[in-house]
Amino acid sequence: MVTTNSKSYFREVEKSHRNYTSALRKARSRQSVMNLYWRHKRQHEALLKKHLRDEMTEIVQIKKKFK
């Protein structure tokens, strides 16, 4: 099921990847490519962590309805 939370997450990931691929094309050295990768990885992990936290909040709210 795709919720508004999921749509927002996918938009943020798509934006992150656009910026990443654009920056990769402009990179001038091997080190700058690796720095871009590590920065992108941290950003991606933070987005995923936030997304999963938001989903867990939704799950908890749904579970409360069953009690």
C-alpha atoms as a PDB file:
ATOM      1  CA  MET A   1       0.000   0.000   0.000  1.00  0.00           C
ATOM      2  CA  VAL A   2       1.380   3.373  -1.002  1.00  0.00           C
ATOM      3  CA  THR A   3       0.551   6.053   1.532  1.00  0.00           C
ATOM      4  CA  THR A   4       1.225   9.771   1.373  1.00  0.00           C
ATOM      5  CA  ASN A   5       4.236   9.069   3.573  1.00  0.00           C
ATOM      6  CA  SER A   6       5.563   6.636   0.955  1.00  0.00           C
ATOM      7  CA  LYS A   7       4.962   9.076  -1.879  1.00  0.00           C
ATOM      8  CA  SER A   8       6.896  11.745  -0.018  1.00  0.00           C
ATOM      9  CA  TYR A   9       9.743   9.310   0.623  1.00  0.00           C
ATOM     10  CA  PHE A  10       9.915   8.293  -3.034  1.00  0.00           C
ATOM     11  CA  ARG A  11       9.960  11.943  -4.114  1.00  0.00           C
ATOM     12  CA  GLU A  12      12.837  12.677  -1.740  1.00  0.00           C
ATOM     13  CA  VAL A  13      14.794   9.627  -2.936  1.00  0.00           C
ATOM     14  CA  GLU A  14      14.235  10.606  -6.563  1.00  0.00           C
ATOM     15  CA  LYS A  15      15.416  14.158  -5.831  1.00  0.00           C
ATOM     16  CA  SER A  16      18.479  12.800  -4.026  1.00  0.00           C
ATOM     17  CA  HIS A  17      19.361  10.538  -6.962  1.00  0.00           C
ATOM     18  CA  ARG A  18      18.943  13.354  -9.484  1.00  0.00           C
ATOM     19  CA  ASN A  19      21.333  15.534  -7.493  1.00  0.00           C
ATOM     20  CA  TYR A  20      23.767  12.641  -7.077  1.00  0.00           C
ATOM     21  CA  THR A  21      23.876  11.716 -10.764  1.00  0.00           C
ATOM     22  CA  SER A  22      24.226  15.363 -11.732  1.00  0.00           C
ATOM     23  CA  ALA A  23      27.130  15.815  -9.313  1.00  0.00           C
ATOM     24  CA  LEU A  24      28.785  12.602 -10.577  1.00  0.00           C
ATOM     25  CA  ARG A  25      28.818  13.964 -14.122  1.00  0.00           C
ATOM     26  CA  LYS A  26      30.597  17.100 -12.871  1.00  0.00           C
ATOM     27  CA  ALA A  27      33.143  15.251 -10.708  1.00  0.00           C
ATOM     28  CA  ARG A  28      36.753  15.787 -11.718  1.00  0.00           C
ATOM     29  CA  SER A  29      38.652  13.267  -9.606  1.00  0.00           C
ATOM     30  CA  ARG A  30      38.355   9.811  -8.118  1.00  0.00           C
ATOM     31  CA  GLN A  31      38.335  11.256  -4.614  1.00  0.00           C
ATOM     32  CA  SER A  32      35.491  13.635  -5.408  1.00  0.00           C
ATOM     33  CA  VAL A  33      33.478  10.697  -6.790  1.00  0.00           C
ATOM     34  CA  MET A  34      34.006   8.748  -3.574  1.00  0.00           C
ATOM     35  CA  ASN A  35      33.127  11.780  -1.445  1.00  0.00           C
ATOM     36  CA  LEU A  36      29.909  12.176  -3.431  1.00  0.00           C
ATOM     37  CA  TYR A  37      29.098   8.518  -2.923  1.00  0.00           C
ATOM     38  CA  TRP A  38      29.615   8.617   0.852  1.00  0.00           C
ATOM     39  CA  ARG A  39      27.564  11.814   1.171  1.00  0.00           C
ATOM     40  CA  HIS A  40      24.789  10.285  -0.927  1.00  0.00           C
ATOM     41  CA  LYS A  41      24.864   7.091   1.126  1.00  0.00           C
ATOM     42  CA  ARG A  42      24.497   9.018   4.413  1.00  0.00           C
ATOM     43  CA  GLN A  43      21.645  11.041   2.969  1.00  0.00           C
ATOM     44  CA  HIS A  44      19.925   7.911   1.663  1.00  0.00           C
ATOM     45  CA  GLU A  45      20.274   6.126   5.013  1.00  0.00           C
ATOM     46  CA  ALA A  46      18.833   9.147   6.838  1.00  0.00           C
ATOM     47  CA  LEU A  47      15.852   9.252   4.469  1.00  0.00           C
ATOM     48  CA  LEU A  48      15.228   5.539   4.930  1.00  0.00           C
ATOM     49  CA  LYS A  49      15.513   5.785   8.707  1.00  0.00           C
ATOM     50  CA  LYS A  50      12.995   8.650   8.795  1.00  0.00           C
ATOM     51  CA  HIS A  51      10.661   6.794   6.437  1.00  0.00           C
ATOM     52  CA  LEU A  52      10.723   3.627   8.544  1.00  0.00           C
ATOM     53  CA  ARG A  53      10.147   5.645  11.717  1.00  0.00           C
ATOM     54  CA  ASP A  54       7.099   7.289  10.114  1.00  0.00           C
ATOM     55  CA  GLU A  55       5.769   3.930   8.961  1.00  0.00           C
ATOM     56  CA  MET A  56       6.138   2.472  12.439  1.00  0.00           C
ATOM     57  CA  THR A  57       4.156   5.414  13.811  1.00  0.00           C
ATOM     58  CA  GLU A  58       1.383   4.614  11.321  1.00  0.00           C
ATOM     59  CA  ILE A  59       1.467   0.936  12.327  1.00  0.00           C
ATOM     60  CA  VAL A  60       1.166   1.806  16.011  1.00  0.00           C
ATOM     61  CA  GLN A  61      -1.845   4.019  15.287  1.00  0.00           C
ATOM     62  CA  ILE A  62      -3.511   1.266  13.296  1.00  0.00           C
ATOM     63  CA  LYS A  63      -2.803  -1.307  16.021  1.00  0.00           C
ATOM     64  CA  LYS A  64      -4.446   0.978  18.620  1.00  0.00           C
ATOM     65  CA  LYS A  65      -7.706   0.769  16.667  1.00  0.00           C
ATOM     66  CA  PHE A  66      -7.844  -2.975  17.261  1.00  0.00           C
ATOM     67  CA  LYS A  67      -7.665  -2.771  21.036  1.00  0.00           C
END
